[in-house]
C-alpha atoms as a PDB file:
ATOM      1  CA  MET A   1     -21.773   1.159  -9.170  1.00  0.00           C
ATOM      2  CA  LYS A   2     -22.585   2.005  -5.562  1.00  0.00           C
ATOM      3  CA  PHE A   3     -20.433   3.358  -2.729  1.00  0.00           C
ATOM      4  CA  ARG A   4     -20.809   3.149   1.021  1.00  0.00           C
ATOM      5  CA  LEU A   5     -18.579   3.565   4.026  1.00  0.00           C
ATOM      6  CA  HIS A   6     -17.415   0.701   6.203  1.00  0.00           C
ATOM      7  CA  GLU A   7     -18.588   0.735   9.814  1.00  0.00           C
ATOM      8  CA  ASN A   8     -15.284   2.390  10.769  1.00  0.00           C
ATOM      9  CA  GLY A   9     -16.577   5.518   9.024  1.00  0.00           C
ATOM     10  CA  TRP A  10     -13.788   6.003   6.487  1.00  0.00           C
ATOM     11  CA  THR A  11     -12.998   2.926   4.384  1.00  0.00           C
ATOM     12  CA  VAL A  12     -14.872   3.039   1.046  1.00  0.00           C
ATOM     13  CA  LEU A  13     -16.710  -0.106  -0.093  1.00  0.00           C
ATOM     14  CA  VAL A  14     -17.597  -0.286  -3.801  1.00  0.00           C
ATOM     15  CA  GLU A  15     -20.537  -2.523  -4.705  1.00  0.00           C
ATOM     16  CA  ASP A  16     -22.598  -3.572  -7.727  1.00  0.00           C
ATOM     17  CA  VAL A  17     -19.746  -3.318 -10.196  1.00  0.00           C
ATOM     18  CA  ALA A  18     -17.952  -5.584 -12.639  1.00  0.00           C
ATOM     19  CA  LEU A  19     -14.644  -3.859 -13.148  1.00  0.00           C
ATOM     20  CA  GLN A  20     -14.177  -5.316 -16.629  1.00  0.00           C
ATOM     21  CA  THR A  21     -16.874  -2.877 -17.815  1.00  0.00           C
ATOM     22  CA  ALA A  22     -16.111   0.064 -15.521  1.00  0.00           C
ATOM     23  CA  THR A  23     -16.080   3.377 -17.350  1.00  0.00           C
ATOM     24  CA  GLN A  24     -13.316   5.947 -17.158  1.00  0.00           C
ATOM     25  CA  GLN A  25     -15.600   8.215 -15.130  1.00  0.00           C
ATOM     26  CA  GLN A  26     -16.258   5.422 -12.633  1.00  0.00           C
ATOM     27  CA  MET A  27     -12.532   4.801 -12.284  1.00  0.00           C
ATOM     28  CA  ASN A  28     -12.002   8.548 -11.806  1.00  0.00           C
ATOM     29  CA  THR A  29     -14.419   8.387  -8.882  1.00  0.00           C
ATOM     30  CA  ILE A  30     -12.623   5.394  -7.383  1.00  0.00           C
ATOM     31  CA  ALA A  31      -9.305   7.226  -7.740  1.00  0.00           C
ATOM     32  CA  TYR A  32     -10.711  10.309  -6.014  1.00  0.00           C
ATOM     33  CA  LEU A  33     -12.051   8.226  -3.137  1.00  0.00           C
ATOM     34  CA  LEU A  34      -8.698   6.484  -2.863  1.00  0.00           C
ATOM     35  CA  ALA A  35      -6.883   9.808  -2.579  1.00  0.00           C
ATOM     36  CA  THR A  36      -9.308  11.191   0.006  1.00  0.00           C
ATOM     37  CA  ASN A  37     -10.072   8.084   2.107  1.00  0.00           C
ATOM     38  CA  THR A  38      -6.791   6.107   1.621  1.00  0.00           C
ATOM     39  CA  VAL A  39      -8.459   2.667   1.182  1.00  0.00           C
ATOM     40  CA  VAL A  40     -11.042   1.423  -1.342  1.00  0.00           C
ATOM     41  CA  VAL A  41     -12.376  -2.162  -1.189  1.00  0.00           C
ATOM     42  CA  ILE A  42     -14.094  -4.012  -4.049  1.00  0.00           C
ATOM     43  CA  ARG A  43     -15.275  -7.587  -3.536  1.00  0.00           C
ATOM     44  CA  ASN A  44     -16.521 -10.434  -5.734  1.00  0.00           C
ATOM     45  CA  GLN A  45     -14.466  -9.747  -8.850  1.00  0.00           C
ATOM     46  CA  GLN A  46     -13.252 -12.332 -11.360  1.00  0.00           C
ATOM     47  CA  LEU A  47     -10.477 -10.705 -13.366  1.00  0.00           C
ATOM     48  CA  THR A  48      -7.765 -12.089 -15.592  1.00  0.00           C
ATOM     49  CA  ILE A  49      -4.342 -10.547 -15.181  1.00  0.00           C
ATOM     50  CA  GLN A  50      -4.845  -8.640 -18.441  1.00  0.00           C
ATOM     51  CA  GLU A  51      -8.144  -7.228 -17.096  1.00  0.00           C
ATOM     52  CA  GLN A  52      -6.478  -6.212 -13.835  1.00  0.00           C
ATOM     53  CA  ILE A  53      -3.817  -4.313 -15.755  1.00  0.00           C
ATOM     54  CA  ALA A  54      -6.424  -2.617 -17.964  1.00  0.00           C
ATOM     55  CA  VAL A  55      -8.418  -1.442 -14.927  1.00  0.00           C
ATOM     56  CA  CYS A  56      -5.339  -0.031 -13.185  1.00  0.00           C
ATOM     57  CA  GLU A  57      -4.232   1.742 -16.359  1.00  0.00           C
ATOM     58  CA  LYS A  58      -7.459   3.772 -16.291  1.00  0.00           C
ATOM     59  CA  ILE A  59      -6.099   5.395 -13.132  1.00  0.00           C
ATOM     60  CA  GLY A  60      -2.408   5.717 -13.876  1.00  0.00           C
ATOM     61  CA  GLN A  61       0.854   4.502 -15.364  1.00  0.00           C
ATOM     62  CA  LEU A  62       1.933   1.107 -14.065  1.00  0.00           C
ATOM     63  CA  GLU A  63       5.330   0.380 -12.581  1.00  0.00           C
ATOM     64  CA  ASP A  64       7.359  -1.807 -14.908  1.00  0.00           C
ATOM     65  CA  PHE A  65       9.521  -4.366 -13.139  1.00  0.00           C
ATOM     66  CA  SER A  66      11.577  -5.375 -16.169  1.00  0.00           C
ATOM     67  CA  ASP A  67      14.295  -2.913 -15.129  1.00  0.00           C
ATOM     68  CA  TYR A  68      14.748  -4.883 -11.900  1.00  0.00           C
ATOM     69  CA  ARG A  69      16.235  -7.778 -13.842  1.00  0.00           C
ATOM     70  CA  ALA A  70      19.656  -6.133 -13.833  1.00  0.00           C
ATOM     71  CA  GLY A  71      21.280  -5.571 -10.461  1.00  0.00           C
ATOM     72  CA  SER A  72      18.239  -6.208  -8.282  1.00  0.00           C
ATOM     73  CA  GLY A  73      19.844  -9.011  -6.324  1.00  0.00           C
ATOM     74  CA  ARG A  74      16.959 -11.381  -6.963  1.00  0.00           C
ATOM     75  CA  ASN A  75      15.351 -13.270  -9.849  1.00  0.00           C
ATOM     76  CA  VAL A  76      12.460 -11.139 -11.058  1.00  0.00           C
ATOM     77  CA  ASP A  77      11.044 -14.071 -13.052  1.00  0.00           C
ATOM     78  CA  ALA A  78      10.178 -15.724  -9.729  1.00  0.00           C
ATOM     79  CA  ILE A  79       8.010 -12.865  -8.517  1.00  0.00           C
ATOM     80  CA  VAL A  80       6.277 -11.476 -11.626  1.00  0.00           C
ATOM     81  CA  VAL A  81       2.838 -12.758 -12.616  1.00  0.00           C
ATOM     82  CA  PRO A  82       3.065 -14.753 -15.861  1.00  0.00           C
ATOM     83  CA  GLY A  83       1.389 -12.896 -18.708  1.00  0.00           C
ATOM     84  CA  SER A  84       1.573  -9.519 -16.948  1.00  0.00           C
ATOM     85  CA  ASP A  85       4.341  -8.062 -19.136  1.00  0.00           C
ATOM     86  CA  ASP A  86       6.318  -7.432 -15.915  1.00  0.00           C
ATOM     87  CA  LYS A  87       3.554  -5.173 -14.556  1.00  0.00           C
ATOM     88  CA  ALA A  88       2.277  -7.357 -11.657  1.00  0.00           C
ATOM     89  CA  LEU A  89       3.979  -9.273  -8.852  1.00  0.00           C
ATOM     90  CA  ARG A  90       3.057 -12.546  -7.159  1.00  0.00           C
ATOM     91  CA  VAL A  91       2.712 -12.074  -3.388  1.00  0.00           C
ATOM     92  CA  THR A  92       2.841 -15.654  -2.197  1.00  0.00           C
ATOM     93  CA  GLY A  93       4.821 -18.532  -0.793  1.00  0.00           C
ATOM     94  CA  GLU A  94       3.577 -20.699  -3.660  1.00  0.00           C
ATOM     95  CA  LEU A  95       6.434 -22.149  -5.692  1.00  0.00           C
ATOM     96  CA  ASP A  96       6.592 -21.587  -9.434  1.00  0.00           C
ATOM     97  CA  GLU A  97       7.546 -24.267 -11.948  1.00  0.00           C
ATOM     98  CA  HIS A  98      11.182 -23.770 -10.991  1.00  0.00           C
ATOM     99  CA  GLY A  99      10.543 -24.176  -7.261  1.00  0.00           C
ATOM    100  CA  ARG A 100      10.792 -20.459  -6.428  1.00  0.00           C
ATOM    101  CA  PRO A 101       8.398 -18.550  -4.127  1.00  0.00           C
ATOM    102  CA  GLY A 102       6.934 -15.151  -4.929  1.00  0.00           C
ATOM    103  CA  LEU A 103       7.316 -11.913  -3.013  1.00  0.00           C
ATOM    104  CA  PHE A 104       6.721 -11.853   0.759  1.00  0.00           C
ATOM    105  CA  GLY A 105       5.957 -15.558   0.902  1.00  0.00           C
ATOM    106  CA  HIS A 106       6.846 -16.012   4.570  1.00  0.00           C
ATOM    107  CA  VAL A 107       4.225 -17.258   7.044  1.00  0.00           C
ATOM    108  CA  SER A 108       5.059 -14.688   9.737  1.00  0.00           C
ATOM    109  CA  ASP A 109       3.668 -11.147   9.866  1.00  0.00           C
ATOM    110  CA  LEU A 110       4.507  -8.797   7.029  1.00  0.00           C
ATOM    111  CA  ASP A 111       4.541  -5.930   9.466  1.00  0.00           C
ATOM    112  CA  TRP A 112       3.495  -2.283   8.969  1.00  0.00           C
ATOM    113  CA  HIS A 113       4.959  -0.775   5.784  1.00  0.00           C
ATOM    114  CA  CYS A 114       4.251   1.139   2.597  1.00  0.00           C
ATOM    115  CA  ASN A 115       5.575   1.008  -0.939  1.00  0.00           C
ATOM    116  CA  HIS A 116       9.307   1.896  -1.190  1.00  0.00           C
ATOM    117  CA  PRO A 117       9.401   4.898   1.177  1.00  0.00           C
ATOM    118  CA  ALA A 118      13.105   5.457   0.471  1.00  0.00           C
ATOM    119  CA  ASN A 119      12.545   5.866  -3.277  1.00  0.00           C
ATOM    120  CA  PRO A 120      11.717   9.434  -4.390  1.00  0.00           C
ATOM    121  CA  ASN A 121      10.157   8.034  -7.584  1.00  0.00           C
ATOM    122  CA  ARG A 122       7.978   5.402  -5.944  1.00  0.00           C
ATOM    123  CA  GLU A 123       4.391   4.848  -7.073  1.00  0.00           C
ATOM    124  CA  PRO A 124       1.689   6.241  -4.729  1.00  0.00           C
ATOM    125  CA  LEU A 125      -0.940   3.515  -5.230  1.00  0.00           C
ATOM    126  CA  VAL A 126      -1.008  -0.233  -4.616  1.00  0.00           C
ATOM    127  CA  TRP A 127      -3.584  -2.689  -6.008  1.00  0.00           C
ATOM    128  CA  LEU A 128      -3.916  -6.071  -4.291  1.00  0.00           C
ATOM    129  CA  TYR A 129      -6.109  -8.734  -5.909  1.00  0.00           C
ATOM    130  CA  GLY A 130      -6.986 -11.994  -4.167  1.00  0.00           C
ATOM    131  CA  GLU A 131      -6.255 -14.572  -6.847  1.00  0.00           C
ATOM    132  CA  ARG A 132      -6.668 -17.780  -4.807  1.00  0.00           C
ATOM    133  CA  GLY A 133      -6.151 -19.367  -1.402  1.00  0.00           C
ATOM    134  CA  THR A 134      -6.813 -16.111   0.467  1.00  0.00           C
ATOM    135  CA  ALA A 135      -9.622 -17.186   2.827  1.00  0.00           C
ATOM    136  CA  GLY A 136      -8.540 -17.005   6.462  1.00  0.00           C
ATOM    137  CA  SER A 137      -5.839 -14.389   5.893  1.00  0.00           C
ATOM    138  CA  ARG A 138      -6.038 -10.788   7.088  1.00  0.00           C
ATOM    139  CA  THR A 139      -4.430  -7.504   6.040  1.00  0.00           C
ATOM    140  CA  SER A 140      -4.917  -4.229   7.911  1.00  0.00           C
ATOM    141  CA  TRP A 141      -4.558  -0.592   6.842  1.00  0.00           C
ATOM    142  CA  ILE A 142      -4.038   2.636   8.804  1.00  0.00           C
ATOM    143  CA  ASN A 143      -5.515   5.991   7.707  1.00  0.00           C
ATOM    144  CA  ASN A 144      -2.914   8.611   8.597  1.00  0.00           C
ATOM    145  CA  ILE A 145      -5.069  11.503   7.432  1.00  0.00           C
ATOM    146  CA  LEU A 146      -7.395  10.816  10.349  1.00  0.00           C
ATOM    147  CA  SER A 147      -4.601  10.141  12.834  1.00  0.00           C
ATOM    148  CA  TYR A 148      -2.907  13.435  11.914  1.00  0.00           C
ATOM    149  CA  ASN A 149      -6.135  15.421  12.172  1.00  0.00           C
ATOM    150  CA  ASP A 150      -6.651  14.144  15.726  1.00  0.00           C
ATOM    151  CA  LEU A 151      -3.268  15.372  16.948  1.00  0.00           C
ATOM    152  CA  PRO A 152      -3.027  18.523  19.092  1.00  0.00           C
ATOM    153  CA  LYS A 153      -2.152  21.527  16.955  1.00  0.00           C
ATOM    154  CA  GLN A 154       1.220  21.981  18.660  1.00  0.00           C
ATOM    155  CA  ASP A 155       2.132  18.390  17.786  1.00  0.00           C
ATOM    156  CA  GLN A 156       1.017  18.903  14.185  1.00  0.00           C
ATOM    157  CA  GLU A 157       3.220  21.987  13.943  1.00  0.00           C
ATOM    158  CA  TYR A 158       6.222  20.149  15.374  1.00  0.00           C
ATOM    159  CA  TYR A 159       5.821  17.144  13.076  1.00  0.00           C
ATOM    160  CA  GLN A 160       5.648  19.511  10.091  1.00  0.00           C
ATOM    161  CA  THR A 161       9.299  20.402  10.771  1.00  0.00           C
ATOM    162  CA  LEU A 162      10.578  16.810  10.650  1.00  0.00           C
ATOM    163  CA  ARG A 163      12.124  14.940   7.745  1.00  0.00           C
ATOM    164  CA  LEU A 164      12.735  11.207   7.504  1.00  0.00           C
ATOM    165  CA  ILE A 165      15.654   8.989   6.560  1.00  0.00           C
ATOM    166  CA  ASN A 166      14.032   5.795   5.289  1.00  0.00           C
ATOM    167  CA  GLY A 167      15.166   2.391   4.159  1.00  0.00           C
ATOM    168  CA  TYR A 168      15.093  -1.345   4.619  1.00  0.00           C
ATOM    169  CA  LYS A 169      16.632  -3.578   7.241  1.00  0.00           C
ATOM    170  CA  GLN A 170      15.945  -7.290   6.991  1.00  0.00           C
ATOM    171  CA  GLY A 171      13.709  -8.298   9.879  1.00  0.00           C
ATOM    172  CA  SER A 172      12.359  -4.818  10.545  1.00  0.00           C
ATOM    173  CA  TYR A 173       9.027  -5.500   8.872  1.00  0.00           C
ATOM    174  CA  SER A 174       9.740  -8.573   6.734  1.00  0.00           C
ATOM    175  CA  THR A 175      11.971 -11.613   6.832  1.00  0.00           C
ATOM    176  CA  ASP A 176      12.048 -11.684   3.024  1.00  0.00           C
ATOM    177  CA  ASP A 177      15.461 -11.393   1.376  1.00  0.00           C
ATOM    178  CA  PHE A 178      15.582  -8.367  -0.938  1.00  0.00           C
ATOM    179  CA  GLY A 179      19.216  -8.917  -1.873  1.00  0.00           C
ATOM    180  CA  LYS A 180      20.672  -6.482   0.689  1.00  0.00           C
ATOM    181  CA  PRO A 181      20.420  -6.930   4.467  1.00  0.00           C
ATOM    182  CA  VAL A 182      20.438  -3.128   4.888  1.00  0.00           C
ATOM    183  CA  ASP A 183      19.452  -0.526   2.288  1.00  0.00           C
ATOM    184  CA  ILE A 184      19.105   3.054   3.619  1.00  0.00           C
ATOM    185  CA  ASN A 185      18.712   6.145   1.417  1.00  0.00           C
ATOM    186  CA  TYR A 186      20.485   9.015   3.174  1.00  0.00           C
ATOM    187  CA  GLN A 187      20.007  11.453   0.270  1.00  0.00           C
ATOM    188  CA  TYR A 188      16.202  11.436   0.021  1.00  0.00           C
ATOM    189  CA  ARG A 189      14.639  12.958   3.162  1.00  0.00           C
ATOM    190  CA  PRO A 190      10.863  13.306   2.758  1.00  0.00           C
ATOM    191  CA  ASN A 191       8.708  15.289   5.163  1.00  0.00           C
ATOM    192  CA  LEU A 192       6.908  13.439   7.934  1.00  0.00           C
ATOM    193  CA  VAL A 193       3.793  15.517   7.159  1.00  0.00           C
ATOM    194  CA  GLN A 194       2.666  15.366   3.541  1.00  0.00           C
ATOM    195  CA  THR A 195      -0.184  16.749   1.434  1.00  0.00           C
ATOM    196  CA  ASN A 196      -1.276  14.368  -1.313  1.00  0.00           C
ATOM    197  CA  ILE A 197      -2.639  14.933  -4.811  1.00  0.00           C
ATOM    198  CA  ALA A 198      -6.187  15.479  -3.505  1.00  0.00           C
ATOM    199  CA  GLY A 199      -5.051  18.128  -1.026  1.00  0.00           C
ATOM    200  CA  ARG A 200      -5.382  15.852   2.008  1.00  0.00           C
ATOM    201  CA  THR A 201      -2.716  16.348   4.687  1.00  0.00           C
ATOM    202  CA  GLY A 202      -1.511  13.589   6.960  1.00  0.00           C
ATOM    203  CA  LEU A 203       1.417  11.543   8.192  1.00  0.00           C
ATOM    204  CA  PHE A 204       3.876   9.826   5.904  1.00  0.00           C
ATOM    205  CA  PHE A 205       4.823   7.433   8.657  1.00  0.00           C
ATOM    206  CA  PRO A 206       6.081   3.949   7.725  1.00  0.00           C
ATOM    207  CA  PHE A 207       7.549   3.626  11.201  1.00  0.00           C
ATOM    208  CA  LEU A 208       9.281   0.266  10.653  1.00  0.00           C
ATOM    209  CA  GLN A 209      10.975   1.650   7.540  1.00  0.00           C
ATOM    210  CA  ILE A 210      12.253   4.841   9.193  1.00  0.00           C
ATOM    211  CA  HIS A 211      15.970   4.603   9.921  1.00  0.00           C
ATOM    212  CA  GLN A 212      16.208   7.948  11.710  1.00  0.00           C
ATOM    213  CA  ILE A 213      14.691  11.432  11.790  1.00  0.00           C
ATOM    214  CA  ASP A 214      16.881  14.053  10.169  1.00  0.00           C
ATOM    215  CA  GLY A 215      18.628  16.257  12.744  1.00  0.00           C
ATOM    216  CA  LEU A 216      17.738  14.082  15.735  1.00  0.00           C
ATOM    217  CA  THR A 217      19.866  11.520  17.534  1.00  0.00           C
ATOM    218  CA  GLU A 218      18.908   7.853  17.410  1.00  0.00           C
ATOM    219  CA  ASP A 219      17.403   8.107  20.888  1.00  0.00           C
ATOM    220  CA  GLN A 220      15.475  11.266  20.057  1.00  0.00           C
ATOM    221  CA  SER A 221      14.243   9.728  16.814  1.00  0.00           C
ATOM    222  CA  ARG A 222      13.118   6.609  18.632  1.00  0.00           C
ATOM    223  CA  GLU A 223      11.200   8.668  21.186  1.00  0.00           C
ATOM    224  CA  VAL A 224       9.280  10.513  18.450  1.00  0.00           C
ATOM    225  CA  ILE A 225       8.618   7.354  16.451  1.00  0.00           C
ATOM    226  CA  VAL A 226       7.339   5.352  19.429  1.00  0.00           C
ATOM    227  CA  LYS A 227       5.024   8.136  20.601  1.00  0.00           C
ATOM    228  CA  LEU A 228       3.553   8.615  17.144  1.00  0.00           C
ATOM    229  CA  ARG A 229       3.387   4.855  16.479  1.00  0.00           C
ATOM    230  CA  ASP A 230       1.287   4.324  19.596  1.00  0.00           C
ATOM    231  CA  HIS A 231      -1.055   7.087  18.407  1.00  0.00           C
ATOM    232  CA  VAL A 232      -1.636   5.787  14.856  1.00  0.00           C
ATOM    233  CA  LEU A 233      -2.219   2.212  16.044  1.00  0.00           C
ATOM    234  CA  ASP A 234      -5.497   3.250  17.712  1.00  0.00           C
ATOM    235  CA  GLU A 235      -8.216   0.998  16.284  1.00  0.00           C
ATOM    236  CA  LYS A 236     -10.305   3.933  15.040  1.00  0.00           C
ATOM    237  CA  TYR A 237      -7.681   4.565  12.362  1.00  0.00           C
ATOM    238  CA  VAL A 238      -7.442   0.896  11.303  1.00  0.00           C
ATOM    239  CA  TYR A 239      -9.335  -1.133   8.699  1.00  0.00           C
ATOM    240  CA  HIS A 240      -9.038  -4.942   8.937  1.00  0.00           C
ATOM    241  CA  HIS A 241      -9.674  -6.884   5.730  1.00  0.00           C
ATOM    242  CA  ASP A 242     -10.462 -10.591   5.960  1.00  0.00           C
ATOM    243  CA  TRP A 243      -9.725 -11.863   2.493  1.00  0.00           C
ATOM    244  CA  GLN A 244     -11.835 -13.880   0.111  1.00  0.00           C
ATOM    245  CA  ASP A 245     -10.759 -14.811  -3.399  1.00  0.00           C
ATOM    246  CA  GLY A 246     -11.807 -12.094  -5.854  1.00  0.00           C
ATOM    247  CA  ASP A 247     -11.323  -9.255  -3.363  1.00  0.00           C
ATOM    248  CA  ILE A 248      -9.492  -6.083  -4.357  1.00  0.00           C
ATOM    249  CA  VAL A 249      -8.015  -3.541  -1.963  1.00  0.00           C
ATOM    250  CA  LEU A 250      -6.544  -0.329  -3.358  1.00  0.00           C
ATOM    251  CA  ALA A 251      -4.434   1.735  -0.967  1.00  0.00           C
ATOM    252  CA  GLU A 252      -2.830   5.168  -1.025  1.00  0.00           C
ATOM    253  CA  GLN A 253       0.857   5.037  -0.101  1.00  0.00           C
ATOM    254  CA  TRP A 254       1.592   8.559   1.108  1.00  0.00           C
ATOM    255  CA  LEU A 255      -0.885   8.779   3.950  1.00  0.00           C
ATOM    256  CA  GLY A 256      -1.451   5.120   4.766  1.00  0.00           C
ATOM    257  CA  ILE A 257       0.457   1.977   5.760  1.00  0.00           C
ATOM    258  CA  HIS A 258      -0.571  -1.672   5.935  1.00  0.00           C
ATOM    259  CA  LYS A 259       0.232  -5.010   7.535  1.00  0.00           C
ATOM    260  CA  ARG A 260      -0.407  -8.655   6.620  1.00  0.00           C
ATOM    261  CA  TRP A 261      -0.873 -10.837   9.667  1.00  0.00           C
ATOM    262  CA  HIS A 262       0.646 -14.282  10.279  1.00  0.00           C
ATOM    263  CA  PHE A 263      -0.941 -16.861   7.966  1.00  0.00           C
ATOM    264  CA  ASP A 264      -0.042 -20.540   7.859  1.00  0.00           C
ATOM    265  CA  GLY A 265      -1.482 -20.955   4.353  1.00  0.00           C
ATOM    266  CA  MET A 266       1.020 -18.761   2.520  1.00  0.00           C
ATOM    267  CA  ALA A 267       2.135 -21.679   0.345  1.00  0.00           C
ATOM    268  CA  SER A 268      -1.231 -21.590  -1.434  1.00  0.00           C
ATOM    269  CA  ARG A 269      -2.308 -17.946  -0.934  1.00  0.00           C
ATOM    270  CA  VAL A 270      -1.707 -15.831  -4.050  1.00  0.00           C
ATOM    271  CA  LEU A 271      -2.226 -12.082  -4.345  1.00  0.00           C
ATOM    272  CA  HIS A 272      -1.463  -9.990  -7.403  1.00  0.00           C
ATOM    273  CA  ARG A 273       0.228  -6.676  -6.637  1.00  0.00           C
ATOM    274  CA  ILE A 274       0.281  -3.735  -9.068  1.00  0.00           C
ATOM    275  CA  THR A 275       1.707  -0.286  -8.327  1.00  0.00           C
ATOM    276  CA  PHE A 276       0.866   2.882 -10.235  1.00  0.00           C
ATOM    277  CA  GLY A 277       0.086   6.591 -10.079  1.00  0.00           C
ATOM    278  CA  TYR A 278      -2.790   8.947 -10.901  1.00  0.00           C
ATOM    279  CA  GLU A 279      -1.616  10.054 -14.350  1.00  0.00           C
ATOM    280  CA  ASN A 280      -4.564   8.741 -16.414  1.00  0.00           C
ATOM    281  CA  CYS A 281      -7.538   9.836 -14.298  1.00  0.00           C
ATOM    282  CA  ASP A 282      -9.424  13.035 -13.524  1.00  0.00           C
ATOM    283  CA  LEU A 283      -9.702  13.710  -9.799  1.00  0.00           C
ATOM    284  CA  THR A 284     -12.079  16.607 -10.346  1.00  0.00           C
ATOM    285  CA  ASP A 285     -14.916  14.093 -10.759  1.00  0.00           C
ATOM    286  CA  ARG A 286     -16.856  14.041  -7.494  1.00  0.00           C
ATOM    287  CA  VAL A 287     -19.168  11.725  -5.577  1.00  0.00           C
ATOM    288  CA  PRO A 288     -21.934  12.454  -3.028  1.00  0.00           C
ATOM    289  CA  THR A 289     -20.636  14.311   0.008  1.00  0.00           C
ATOM    290  CA  GLU A 290     -21.689  11.550   2.390  1.00  0.00           C
ATOM    291  CA  ILE A 291     -19.025   9.345   0.768  1.00  0.00           C
ATOM    292  CA  ALA A 292     -16.348  11.881  -0.169  1.00  0.00           C
END
């Protein structure tokens, strides 16, 4: 297994590996790089759904979607990957045998977001695997460790005082129907500035999923969000991934956000999505300093 940095200087590219045979120590290294660099890319893999689950379980405990069957407002059978034991979701417009699309199957942009920012028990990692039909599509990620580090110190100190009220409004970042047109969590108010499990500090800033900033008016909140949004969208903080089948992108969900761009081929593009934590890995394993 080899590691190198993308030309942007921060995205980690993993090469010369077949993940079916990856050791626990190798997965520990990948997990550490994910926590410190926010995005890890692995290309040219051919994994069954059972192999994908086994690889992810070397890092952490997988989210189980079976609980969503009651009261979720949608048919979970339509979006889970067959044979995944409710551990993986189909991200696709492809229809199943009952004529139902998967998750986020719309052709239009799936705009900037992260995994369930209004849920205090959300999983901090997302695995995306290009199953088929992915060529020509693009997803982009923002590194909000870097964007935070580049802020003036007085701005950093101010943002450290702010807490977010997050949630979902249909059309804010997706046209998909989650069962509720509006779903805001007013009780959970996470800090705008977070330090993750690897001790990296940055912005928890899913700006299209922020309803308001605690203690500020709507206008004041909007002013802060727009200013910070324009800062994090600088290209030096962005990694663009042009998909090929067999690609894997792992992304950290505290200090990064991502966006899928408009793609006319969503009816045949299938990604597998798995969410999990760091519970099963050892982040004290290290890699050469030029990568870490």
